[in-house]
Structure formats: C-alpha cells, structure tokens
Amino acid sequence: MAKILVTGATGNVGKHVVAQLAEAGLEVRALVRDPGRARLPVEMVRGDLTVPETLHPALEDVESVFLLWPGFAAETAAGAVAAIAKHARRVVYLSADVTDLAEDEEPTLFHQAVERLIRHSGLGWTFLRPGGFATNTLMWADQIKQGVVRWPYGQAARSLIHEKDIAAVAAHVLTSAGHGGAKYVLTGPERLTQAEQVRVIGEAIGREVRWAELPPEKARDELMAAWGDPAFVDGALEAWKEFVTSPEQVTDTVERLLGRPALTFRQWAEDHAADFS
C-alpha cells in the first residue's frame, strides 16, 4: 500500500490515527508545523494546511490523505485541497454532522464548504461526520476538580464519541476498499445528559461531582470572556438548548465498520481520569 499522509497528526484524533496505522505496519507520514517538537513514531514533514505551497513536499509519493482542517477559517482551503488533488488519489476528511446541500445552495458552515471543494476536486473521498466529541468535556476539568460544574442546560442529551473510535474508523477507511463517496455519521453508543456526563466523570475519578444549573445569560458572559467569539458562543448555547428537547442521534456506524461496539462515555472518562484529577 502506498504512503498515507496524516494531517492534524498531533491532535486528539490525529495522534491516534498515526498510532493505529503505524502499529499496523503501514507507511505513514505526518504533516506537522514543527518536527522538532512533535513526538510521533513515523516520518514527519514540516507543512501547514493554511499555507498550501508548503504541502507539496509532504505529499510526494502519497496515495491517501487523512484531512483534519485546523480551525474554521476556509480562506486557504481551496488551495490546500488543490495541492492534495495534485498528488493523492483519495482523501478521508474529518468533517462534522452537517446537512448535505444541493449544488445551487451556498454553504453556510465551514465543513460544508470544504466538503464541496473535495467533491469537486477529482479526488476519491470519504467524509467522517462525528457528532459531539467526548474530549470537549475537558473544558469542565477545573470545575470538576472543585467538585461542582456550573454550566447551562444540564438536561441536554448528547451521544458523545471517543476520539479513539473516530481514529479507528479513519484507519479502517484508509486501509480498506468500498468507502468511496460514503458519508459516515459517527456517534457514541448511548445518550447521556450533560449532568449525567459530570456524574460519570466523578465516578471515574472516585469523587462525587455535582451539577449546578447556570442561567444561559450568565453562561454567555463567562463563555464570551473565555472564547471571545459571539457567533461561536451563541451557536454553542443554542445547540445545548436544542439537545434538551431533541437529543443528539445515536448511530451504529462505528460498530458496523469496526465489528465491535463503540466505546462508551464511561470508558472515555476512565481513559482521561488523570485529566480531571
């Protein structure tokens, strides 16, 4: 099998993609901004997706690319996709659980825009569309250490997915046939409310942690101070509100593709217990 390039190789998902492909004995190259600082068990090449002209050395002799875009700025995405299409044959793109658009509809979301660029690039493609990431609950780490999480919408129900499962699906798709043109919606195996997630994390670290409901308007002030982007803050609050009455869907995609159940949120919490202690 020809070489596989992994972007976002030091991130929560990318590092597991690299590890799983390397453990399988495959020829893997990691795109990193600073090879001197990265600690990866594969060949590393300096490059930056937001600077497309830096990608060509990393793409030499590459057949497949795992693409994880850094951030949500799409200005240079066209150049990056064009560079990938010049060298590789297919791309597995870590997207999000977005709605498909008709060709005459303008993308309103970043991932919709990148998906369209890839579909029009001539590359073979597979889109991975995970819902909520379990790792995003690390934002509660400081509060959990204090024993109380003050947050809005405790009854918002999510089917959070372990980053190892996203990576395992990516590795499977990169190394097997039959996934061209697939759009895989990935979730964890169960729904838990945010208050239940906090309880499970407490059980994983052996300490009771309480949920304290925070009024959305107060949460907005705190999130603005932390995140600084009004659109991002308001979007997050609206999503949590929606999940109270319309819980996040649960799919069996991970189990169908990997032949084993998706990892539970409890397993994720146990894997990350040290981050909360």
C-alpha atoms as a PDB file:
ATOM      1  CA  MET A   1       0.000   0.000   0.000  1.00  0.00           C
ATOM      2  CA  ALA A   2       1.265   3.475  -0.885  1.00  0.00           C
ATOM      3  CA  LYS A   3       2.072   6.101   1.698  1.00  0.00           C
ATOM      4  CA  ILE A   4      -0.632   7.713   3.844  1.00  0.00           C
ATOM      5  CA  LEU A   5      -0.353  11.350   4.929  1.00  0.00           C
ATOM      6  CA  VAL A   6      -1.986  12.278   8.235  1.00  0.00           C
ATOM      7  CA  THR A   7      -2.730  15.945   8.897  1.00  0.00           C
ATOM      8  CA  GLY A   8      -3.593  17.200  12.364  1.00  0.00           C
ATOM      9  CA  ALA A   9      -1.194  14.475  13.428  1.00  0.00           C
ATOM     10  CA  THR A  10      -0.527  15.749  16.957  1.00  0.00           C
ATOM     11  CA  GLY A  11      -4.172  16.452  17.808  1.00  0.00           C
ATOM     12  CA  ASN A  12      -6.706  14.453  19.808  1.00  0.00           C
ATOM     13  CA  VAL A  13      -7.787  12.352  16.822  1.00  0.00           C
ATOM     14  CA  GLY A  14      -4.763  12.583  14.537  1.00  0.00           C
ATOM     15  CA  LYS A  15      -2.293  11.147  17.048  1.00  0.00           C
ATOM     16  CA  HIS A  16      -4.449   8.022  17.337  1.00  0.00           C
ATOM     17  CA  VAL A  17      -4.751   7.725  13.557  1.00  0.00           C
ATOM     18  CA  VAL A  18      -0.951   7.858  13.305  1.00  0.00           C
ATOM     19  CA  ALA A  19      -0.506   5.294  16.091  1.00  0.00           C
ATOM     20  CA  GLN A  20      -3.036   2.829  14.698  1.00  0.00           C
ATOM     21  CA  LEU A  21      -1.662   2.977  11.167  1.00  0.00           C
ATOM     22  CA  ALA A  22       1.927   2.655  12.407  1.00  0.00           C
ATOM     23  CA  GLU A  23       1.024  -0.304  14.620  1.00  0.00           C
ATOM     24  CA  ALA A  24      -0.447  -1.982  11.537  1.00  0.00           C
ATOM     25  CA  GLY A  25       2.933  -1.661   9.826  1.00  0.00           C
ATOM     26  CA  LEU A  26       1.782   0.830   7.202  1.00  0.00           C
ATOM     27  CA  GLU A  27       3.899   3.553   5.643  1.00  0.00           C
ATOM     28  CA  VAL A  28       2.728   6.755   7.325  1.00  0.00           C
ATOM     29  CA  ARG A  29       3.870  10.349   7.072  1.00  0.00           C
ATOM     30  CA  ALA A  30       2.729  13.064   9.470  1.00  0.00           C
ATOM     31  CA  LEU A  31       2.265  16.694   8.486  1.00  0.00           C
ATOM     32  CA  VAL A  32       3.427  18.868  11.387  1.00  0.00           C
ATOM     33  CA  ARG A  33       4.313  22.515  11.816  1.00  0.00           C
ATOM     34  CA  ASP A  34       7.408  21.782  13.901  1.00  0.00           C
ATOM     35  CA  PRO A  35       9.002  18.324  13.512  1.00  0.00           C
ATOM     36  CA  GLY A  36      11.454  19.183  16.278  1.00  0.00           C
ATOM     37  CA  ARG A  37       8.693  19.404  18.881  1.00  0.00           C
ATOM     38  CA  ALA A  38       6.387  16.622  17.711  1.00  0.00           C
ATOM     39  CA  ARG A  39       6.801  13.174  19.214  1.00  0.00           C
ATOM     40  CA  LEU A  40       5.425  10.721  16.690  1.00  0.00           C
ATOM     41  CA  PRO A  41       6.564   7.187  15.714  1.00  0.00           C
ATOM     42  CA  VAL A  42       6.527   7.944  11.967  1.00  0.00           C
ATOM     43  CA  GLU A  43       8.194  10.117   9.358  1.00  0.00           C
ATOM     44  CA  MET A  44       7.362  13.787   9.915  1.00  0.00           C
ATOM     45  CA  VAL A  45       7.396  16.554   7.316  1.00  0.00           C
ATOM     46  CA  ARG A  46       7.028  20.254   8.006  1.00  0.00           C
ATOM     47  CA  GLY A  47       3.968  21.915   6.473  1.00  0.00           C
ATOM     48  CA  ASP A  48       0.899  23.986   7.189  1.00  0.00           C
ATOM     49  CA  LEU A  49      -2.537  23.441   5.634  1.00  0.00           C
ATOM     50  CA  THR A  50      -3.220  27.156   5.790  1.00  0.00           C
ATOM     51  CA  VAL A  51      -0.130  27.767   3.616  1.00  0.00           C
ATOM     52  CA  PRO A  52      -0.857  25.466   0.644  1.00  0.00           C
ATOM     53  CA  GLU A  53       2.512  25.925  -1.054  1.00  0.00           C
ATOM     54  CA  THR A  54       4.193  24.164   1.906  1.00  0.00           C
ATOM     55  CA  LEU A  55       2.243  20.944   1.304  1.00  0.00           C
ATOM     56  CA  HIS A  56       3.904  19.606  -1.825  1.00  0.00           C
ATOM     57  CA  PRO A  57       6.974  18.014  -0.146  1.00  0.00           C
ATOM     58  CA  ALA A  58       4.716  16.228   2.340  1.00  0.00           C
ATOM     59  CA  LEU A  59       2.511  14.911  -0.476  1.00  0.00           C
ATOM     60  CA  GLU A  60       5.296  13.305  -2.524  1.00  0.00           C
ATOM     61  CA  ASP A  61       4.510   9.581  -3.110  1.00  0.00           C
ATOM     62  CA  VAL A  62       1.305   9.869  -1.070  1.00  0.00           C
ATOM     63  CA  GLU A  63      -1.789   7.988  -2.208  1.00  0.00           C
ATOM     64  CA  SER A  64      -4.240   8.716   0.615  1.00  0.00           C
ATOM     65  CA  VAL A  65      -4.687  11.664   2.987  1.00  0.00           C
ATOM     66  CA  PHE A  66      -6.423  11.929   6.331  1.00  0.00           C
ATOM     67  CA  LEU A  67      -7.527  15.553   6.333  1.00  0.00           C
ATOM     68  CA  LEU A  68      -8.332  17.427   9.517  1.00  0.00           C
ATOM     69  CA  TRP A  69      -8.601  21.151   8.989  1.00  0.00           C
ATOM     70  CA  PRO A  70      -7.091  23.422  11.686  1.00  0.00           C
ATOM     71  CA  GLY A  71      -9.744  25.802  12.962  1.00  0.00           C
ATOM     72  CA  PHE A  72     -12.686  27.099  10.978  1.00  0.00           C
ATOM     73  CA  ALA A  73     -11.182  29.571   8.511  1.00  0.00           C
ATOM     74  CA  ALA A  74     -11.802  28.403   4.956  1.00  0.00           C
ATOM     75  CA  GLU A  75      -9.857  31.090   3.096  1.00  0.00           C
ATOM     76  CA  THR A  76      -6.986  28.783   2.132  1.00  0.00           C
ATOM     77  CA  ALA A  77      -8.957  25.531   1.939  1.00  0.00           C
ATOM     78  CA  ALA A  78      -9.261  25.679  -1.857  1.00  0.00           C
ATOM     79  CA  GLY A  79      -5.501  25.853  -2.257  1.00  0.00           C
ATOM     80  CA  ALA A  80      -4.908  23.016   0.186  1.00  0.00           C
ATOM     81  CA  VAL A  81      -7.464  20.740  -1.494  1.00  0.00           C
ATOM     82  CA  ALA A  82      -5.958  21.544  -4.908  1.00  0.00           C
ATOM     83  CA  ALA A  83      -2.480  20.635  -3.638  1.00  0.00           C
ATOM     84  CA  ILE A  84      -3.762  17.328  -2.263  1.00  0.00           C
ATOM     85  CA  ALA A  85      -5.575  16.550  -5.529  1.00  0.00           C
ATOM     86  CA  LYS A  86      -2.363  17.154  -7.494  1.00  0.00           C
ATOM     87  CA  HIS A  87      -0.580  14.321  -5.681  1.00  0.00           C
ATOM     88  CA  ALA A  88      -3.008  11.941  -3.945  1.00  0.00           C
ATOM     89  CA  ARG A  89      -5.830   9.721  -5.165  1.00  0.00           C
ATOM     90  CA  ARG A  90      -8.209   9.929  -2.221  1.00  0.00           C
ATOM     91  CA  VAL A  91      -8.935  11.818   0.961  1.00  0.00           C
ATOM     92  CA  VAL A  92     -10.701  10.893   4.183  1.00  0.00           C
ATOM     93  CA  TYR A  93     -11.998  14.162   5.592  1.00  0.00           C
ATOM     94  CA  LEU A  94     -12.884  14.613   9.260  1.00  0.00           C
ATOM     95  CA  SER A  95     -15.951  16.779   8.814  1.00  0.00           C
ATOM     96  CA  ALA A  96     -18.906  17.264  11.181  1.00  0.00           C
ATOM     97  CA  ASP A  97     -22.530  16.127  11.308  1.00  0.00           C
ATOM     98  CA  VAL A  98     -23.652  18.630   8.664  1.00  0.00           C
ATOM     99  CA  THR A  99     -26.581  18.661   6.255  1.00  0.00           C
ATOM    100  CA  ASP A 100     -25.995  17.847   2.596  1.00  0.00           C
ATOM    101  CA  LEU A 101     -26.538  20.782   0.246  1.00  0.00           C
ATOM    102  CA  ALA A 102     -27.928  20.937  -3.260  1.00  0.00           C
ATOM    103  CA  GLU A 103     -25.440  22.246  -5.809  1.00  0.00           C
ATOM    104  CA  ASP A 104     -27.256  25.559  -6.076  1.00  0.00           C
ATOM    105  CA  GLU A 105     -27.189  26.136  -2.297  1.00  0.00           C
ATOM    106  CA  GLU A 106     -24.434  28.218  -0.749  1.00  0.00           C
ATOM    107  CA  PRO A 107     -22.594  26.586   2.174  1.00  0.00           C
ATOM    108  CA  THR A 108     -23.288  28.285   5.472  1.00  0.00           C
ATOM    109  CA  LEU A 109     -20.963  26.106   7.547  1.00  0.00           C
ATOM    110  CA  PHE A 110     -17.205  25.652   7.253  1.00  0.00           C
ATOM    111  CA  HIS A 111     -17.346  21.865   6.849  1.00  0.00           C
ATOM    112  CA  GLN A 112     -19.994  22.133   4.123  1.00  0.00           C
ATOM    113  CA  ALA A 113     -17.666  24.420   2.184  1.00  0.00           C
ATOM    114  CA  VAL A 114     -14.683  22.068   2.487  1.00  0.00           C
ATOM    115  CA  GLU A 115     -16.783  19.026   1.584  1.00  0.00           C
ATOM    116  CA  ARG A 116     -17.887  20.796  -1.596  1.00  0.00           C
ATOM    117  CA  LEU A 117     -14.292  21.630  -2.505  1.00  0.00           C
ATOM    118  CA  ILE A 118     -13.324  17.993  -2.064  1.00  0.00           C
ATOM    119  CA  ARG A 119     -16.293  16.679  -4.084  1.00  0.00           C
ATOM    120  CA  HIS A 120     -15.293  18.943  -6.983  1.00  0.00           C
ATOM    121  CA  SER A 121     -11.563  18.176  -6.764  1.00  0.00           C
ATOM    122  CA  GLY A 122     -11.450  14.881  -8.650  1.00  0.00           C
ATOM    123  CA  LEU A 123     -10.258  13.042  -5.538  1.00  0.00           C
ATOM    124  CA  GLY A 124     -11.888   9.892  -4.287  1.00  0.00           C
ATOM    125  CA  TRP A 125     -13.364  10.829  -0.925  1.00  0.00           C
ATOM    126  CA  THR A 126     -14.981   9.658   2.274  1.00  0.00           C
ATOM    127  CA  PHE A 127     -16.479  12.045   4.813  1.00  0.00           C
ATOM    128  CA  LEU A 128     -16.451  11.203   8.509  1.00  0.00           C
ATOM    129  CA  ARG A 129     -19.183  13.189  10.251  1.00  0.00           C
ATOM    130  CA  PRO A 130     -18.867  12.810  14.025  1.00  0.00           C
ATOM    131  CA  GLY A 131     -21.318  14.402  16.420  1.00  0.00           C
ATOM    132  CA  GLY A 132     -20.164  15.638  19.808  1.00  0.00           C
ATOM    133  CA  PHE A 133     -16.608  14.775  20.892  1.00  0.00           C
ATOM    134  CA  ALA A 134     -16.269  13.346  24.398  1.00  0.00           C
ATOM    135  CA  THR A 135     -12.967  15.179  24.688  1.00  0.00           C
ATOM    136  CA  ASN A 136     -14.808  18.518  24.674  1.00  0.00           C
ATOM    137  CA  THR A 137     -15.900  17.797  28.257  1.00  0.00           C
ATOM    138  CA  LEU A 138     -12.307  18.516  29.271  1.00  0.00           C
ATOM    139  CA  MET A 139     -13.470  22.143  29.380  1.00  0.00           C
ATOM    140  CA  TRP A 140     -15.025  21.227  32.743  1.00  0.00           C
ATOM    141  CA  ALA A 141     -11.744  19.930  34.198  1.00  0.00           C
ATOM    142  CA  ASP A 142     -11.071  22.844  36.560  1.00  0.00           C
ATOM    143  CA  GLN A 143     -14.636  22.829  37.854  1.00  0.00           C
ATOM    144  CA  ILE A 144     -14.643  19.069  38.311  1.00  0.00           C
ATOM    145  CA  LYS A 145     -11.522  19.366  40.441  1.00  0.00           C
ATOM    146  CA  GLN A 146     -13.562  21.694  42.676  1.00  0.00           C
ATOM    147  CA  GLY A 147     -16.453  19.206  42.871  1.00  0.00           C
ATOM    148  CA  VAL A 148     -19.149  21.301  41.159  1.00  0.00           C
ATOM    149  CA  VAL A 149     -19.776  22.001  37.473  1.00  0.00           C
ATOM    150  CA  ARG A 150     -21.768  25.182  36.887  1.00  0.00           C
ATOM    151  CA  TRP A 151     -22.993  25.087  33.292  1.00  0.00           C
ATOM    152  CA  PRO A 152     -26.228  25.667  31.345  1.00  0.00           C
ATOM    153  CA  TYR A 153     -28.643  23.057  30.025  1.00  0.00           C
ATOM    154  CA  GLY A 154     -27.863  20.105  32.252  1.00  0.00           C
ATOM    155  CA  GLN A 155     -30.580  18.061  30.523  1.00  0.00           C
ATOM    156  CA  ALA A 156     -29.041  18.461  27.067  1.00  0.00           C
ATOM    157  CA  ALA A 157     -28.551  14.859  25.882  1.00  0.00           C
ATOM    158  CA  ARG A 158     -25.520  14.015  23.738  1.00  0.00           C
ATOM    159  CA  SER A 159     -24.155  10.815  22.180  1.00  0.00           C
ATOM    160  CA  LEU A 160     -20.513  11.785  22.640  1.00  0.00           C
ATOM    161  CA  ILE A 161     -17.894   9.776  20.782  1.00  0.00           C
ATOM    162  CA  HIS A 162     -14.447   8.702  21.999  1.00  0.00           C
ATOM    163  CA  GLU A 163     -11.666  10.142  19.847  1.00  0.00           C
ATOM    164  CA  LYS A 164     -10.136   6.652  19.606  1.00  0.00           C
ATOM    165  CA  ASP A 165     -13.255   5.466  17.767  1.00  0.00           C
ATOM    166  CA  ILE A 166     -13.035   8.306  15.256  1.00  0.00           C
ATOM    167  CA  ALA A 167      -9.394   7.389  14.666  1.00  0.00           C
ATOM    168  CA  ALA A 168     -10.198   3.677  14.361  1.00  0.00           C
ATOM    169  CA  VAL A 169     -12.848   4.381  11.727  1.00  0.00           C
ATOM    170  CA  ALA A 170     -10.434   6.657   9.873  1.00  0.00           C
ATOM    171  CA  ALA A 171      -7.721   3.989   9.894  1.00  0.00           C
ATOM    172  CA  HIS A 172     -10.210   1.362   8.684  1.00  0.00           C
ATOM    173  CA  VAL A 173     -11.459   3.548   5.839  1.00  0.00           C
ATOM    174  CA  LEU A 174      -7.914   4.490   4.816  1.00  0.00           C
ATOM    175  CA  THR A 175      -6.858   0.848   4.588  1.00  0.00           C
ATOM    176  CA  SER A 176      -9.886  -0.901   3.084  1.00  0.00           C
ATOM    177  CA  ALA A 177     -11.988  -0.663  -0.054  1.00  0.00           C
ATOM    178  CA  GLY A 178     -15.642   0.170  -0.526  1.00  0.00           C
ATOM    179  CA  HIS A 179     -15.825   3.568   1.146  1.00  0.00           C
ATOM    180  CA  GLY A 180     -15.696   5.873  -1.860  1.00  0.00           C
ATOM    181  CA  GLY A 181     -18.400   8.530  -1.676  1.00  0.00           C
ATOM    182  CA  ALA A 182     -19.515   7.440   1.815  1.00  0.00           C
ATOM    183  CA  LYS A 183     -20.665   9.931   4.441  1.00  0.00           C
ATOM    184  CA  TYR A 184     -20.371   8.230   7.819  1.00  0.00           C
ATOM    185  CA  VAL A 185     -22.188   9.802  10.770  1.00  0.00           C
ATOM    186  CA  LEU A 186     -20.282   8.737  13.894  1.00  0.00           C
ATOM    187  CA  THR A 187     -21.550   8.824  17.480  1.00  0.00           C
ATOM    188  CA  GLY A 188     -21.064   7.102  20.770  1.00  0.00           C
ATOM    189  CA  PRO A 189     -23.319   4.148  21.657  1.00  0.00           C
ATOM    190  CA  GLU A 190     -25.631   5.970  24.090  1.00  0.00           C
ATOM    191  CA  ARG A 191     -27.074   9.314  25.088  1.00  0.00           C
ATOM    192  CA  LEU A 192     -26.187  10.997  28.364  1.00  0.00           C
ATOM    193  CA  THR A 193     -27.313  14.379  29.573  1.00  0.00           C
ATOM    194  CA  GLN A 194     -24.605  16.854  30.478  1.00  0.00           C
ATOM    195  CA  ALA A 195     -25.460  16.364  34.151  1.00  0.00           C
ATOM    196  CA  GLU A 196     -25.069  12.594  33.709  1.00  0.00           C
ATOM    197  CA  GLN A 197     -21.721  13.103  31.977  1.00  0.00           C
ATOM    198  CA  VAL A 198     -20.481  15.001  35.029  1.00  0.00           C
ATOM    199  CA  ARG A 199     -21.677  12.228  37.328  1.00  0.00           C
ATOM    200  CA  VAL A 200     -19.900   9.579  35.237  1.00  0.00           C
ATOM    201  CA  ILE A 201     -16.648  11.571  35.259  1.00  0.00           C
ATOM    202  CA  GLY A 202     -16.930  11.817  39.045  1.00  0.00           C
ATOM    203  CA  GLU A 203     -17.368   8.051  39.305  1.00  0.00           C
ATOM    204  CA  ALA A 204     -14.357   7.500  37.038  1.00  0.00           C
ATOM    205  CA  ILE A 205     -12.141   9.610  39.308  1.00  0.00           C
ATOM    206  CA  GLY A 206     -13.677   8.273  42.530  1.00  0.00           C
ATOM    207  CA  ARG A 207     -15.109  11.566  43.686  1.00  0.00           C
ATOM    208  CA  GLU A 208     -18.630  12.953  43.783  1.00  0.00           C
ATOM    209  CA  VAL A 209     -19.118  15.845  41.383  1.00  0.00           C
ATOM    210  CA  ARG A 210     -22.344  17.859  41.374  1.00  0.00           C
ATOM    211  CA  TRP A 211     -24.099  19.669  38.577  1.00  0.00           C
ATOM    212  CA  ALA A 212     -25.287  23.233  39.263  1.00  0.00           C
ATOM    213  CA  GLU A 213     -27.537  24.736  36.601  1.00  0.00           C
ATOM    214  CA  LEU A 214     -26.189  28.053  35.328  1.00  0.00           C
ATOM    215  CA  PRO A 215     -28.613  30.525  33.686  1.00  0.00           C
ATOM    216  CA  PRO A 216     -27.826  30.812  29.947  1.00  0.00           C
ATOM    217  CA  GLU A 217     -27.363  34.582  30.122  1.00  0.00           C
ATOM    218  CA  LYS A 218     -24.731  34.210  32.852  1.00  0.00           C
ATOM    219  CA  ALA A 219     -23.087  31.363  30.949  1.00  0.00           C
ATOM    220  CA  ARG A 220     -22.908  33.590  27.871  1.00  0.00           C
ATOM    221  CA  ASP A 221     -20.945  36.225  29.773  1.00  0.00           C
ATOM    222  CA  GLU A 222     -18.472  33.613  31.024  1.00  0.00           C
ATOM    223  CA  LEU A 223     -18.118  31.946  27.625  1.00  0.00           C
ATOM    224  CA  MET A 224     -17.570  35.312  25.923  1.00  0.00           C
ATOM    225  CA  ALA A 225     -14.739  36.001  28.363  1.00  0.00           C
ATOM    226  CA  ALA A 226     -13.224  32.582  27.605  1.00  0.00           C
ATOM    227  CA  TRP A 227     -13.907  32.216  23.864  1.00  0.00           C
ATOM    228  CA  GLY A 228     -14.364  35.782  22.635  1.00  0.00           C
ATOM    229  CA  ASP A 229     -16.416  34.897  19.537  1.00  0.00           C
ATOM    230  CA  PRO A 230     -20.102  35.905  19.832  1.00  0.00           C
ATOM    231  CA  ALA A 231     -21.240  33.685  16.948  1.00  0.00           C
ATOM    232  CA  PHE A 232     -19.438  30.649  18.383  1.00  0.00           C
ATOM    233  CA  VAL A 233     -20.778  31.257  21.893  1.00  0.00           C
ATOM    234  CA  ASP A 234     -24.354  31.790  20.737  1.00  0.00           C
ATOM    235  CA  GLY A 235     -24.163  28.755  18.466  1.00  0.00           C
ATOM    236  CA  ALA A 236     -22.966  26.552  21.333  1.00  0.00           C
ATOM    237  CA  LEU A 237     -25.697  27.778  23.673  1.00  0.00           C
ATOM    238  CA  GLU A 238     -28.387  27.275  21.035  1.00  0.00           C
ATOM    239  CA  ALA A 239     -27.142  23.740  20.325  1.00  0.00           C
ATOM    240  CA  TRP A 240     -27.216  22.761  24.018  1.00  0.00           C
ATOM    241  CA  LYS A 241     -30.718  24.215  24.305  1.00  0.00           C
ATOM    242  CA  GLU A 242     -31.848  22.188  21.289  1.00  0.00           C
ATOM    243  CA  PHE A 243     -30.416  18.961  22.722  1.00  0.00           C
ATOM    244  CA  VAL A 244     -32.741  19.298  25.737  1.00  0.00           C
ATOM    245  CA  THR A 245     -35.834  18.693  23.619  1.00  0.00           C
ATOM    246  CA  SER A 246     -34.210  16.991  20.599  1.00  0.00           C
ATOM    247  CA  PRO A 247     -31.399  14.739  21.880  1.00  0.00           C
ATOM    248  CA  GLU A 248     -28.430  14.022  19.641  1.00  0.00           C
ATOM    249  CA  GLN A 249     -28.928  10.973  17.450  1.00  0.00           C
ATOM    250  CA  VAL A 250     -27.222   7.629  18.113  1.00  0.00           C
ATOM    251  CA  THR A 251     -25.869   5.695  15.125  1.00  0.00           C
ATOM    252  CA  ASP A 252     -24.432   2.177  14.850  1.00  0.00           C
ATOM    253  CA  THR A 253     -21.842   3.232  12.255  1.00  0.00           C
ATOM    254  CA  VAL A 254     -18.806   2.568  14.450  1.00  0.00           C
ATOM    255  CA  GLU A 255     -19.993  -0.952  15.238  1.00  0.00           C
ATOM    256  CA  ARG A 256     -20.888  -1.700  11.604  1.00  0.00           C
ATOM    257  CA  LEU A 257     -17.499  -0.589  10.333  1.00  0.00           C
ATOM    258  CA  LEU A 258     -15.270  -1.951  13.102  1.00  0.00           C
ATOM    259  CA  GLY A 259     -17.189  -5.072  14.114  1.00  0.00           C
ATOM    260  CA  ARG A 260     -17.242  -4.061  17.777  1.00  0.00           C
ATOM    261  CA  PRO A 261     -19.371  -1.715  19.873  1.00  0.00           C
ATOM    262  CA  ALA A 262     -18.424   1.927  20.084  1.00  0.00           C
ATOM    263  CA  LEU A 263     -16.613   2.905  23.273  1.00  0.00           C
ATOM    264  CA  THR A 264     -18.867   4.311  25.986  1.00  0.00           C
ATOM    265  CA  PHE A 265     -18.529   7.691  27.647  1.00  0.00           C
ATOM    266  CA  ARG A 266     -17.617   5.868  30.870  1.00  0.00           C
ATOM    267  CA  GLN A 267     -14.686   4.244  29.057  1.00  0.00           C
ATOM    268  CA  TRP A 268     -13.629   7.655  27.784  1.00  0.00           C
ATOM    269  CA  ALA A 269     -13.849   9.120  31.312  1.00  0.00           C
ATOM    270  CA  GLU A 270     -11.724   6.288  32.699  1.00  0.00           C
ATOM    271  CA  ASP A 271      -9.144   6.816  29.940  1.00  0.00           C
ATOM    272  CA  HIS A 272      -8.974  10.527  30.858  1.00  0.00           C
ATOM    273  CA  ALA A 273      -9.296  10.277  34.631  1.00  0.00           C
ATOM    274  CA  ALA A 274      -5.879  11.844  35.130  1.00  0.00           C
ATOM    275  CA  ASP A 275      -7.005  14.959  33.248  1.00  0.00           C
ATOM    276  CA  PHE A 276      -9.698  15.576  35.872  1.00  0.00           C
ATOM    277  CA  SER A 277      -7.718  14.682  38.988  1.00  0.00           C
END
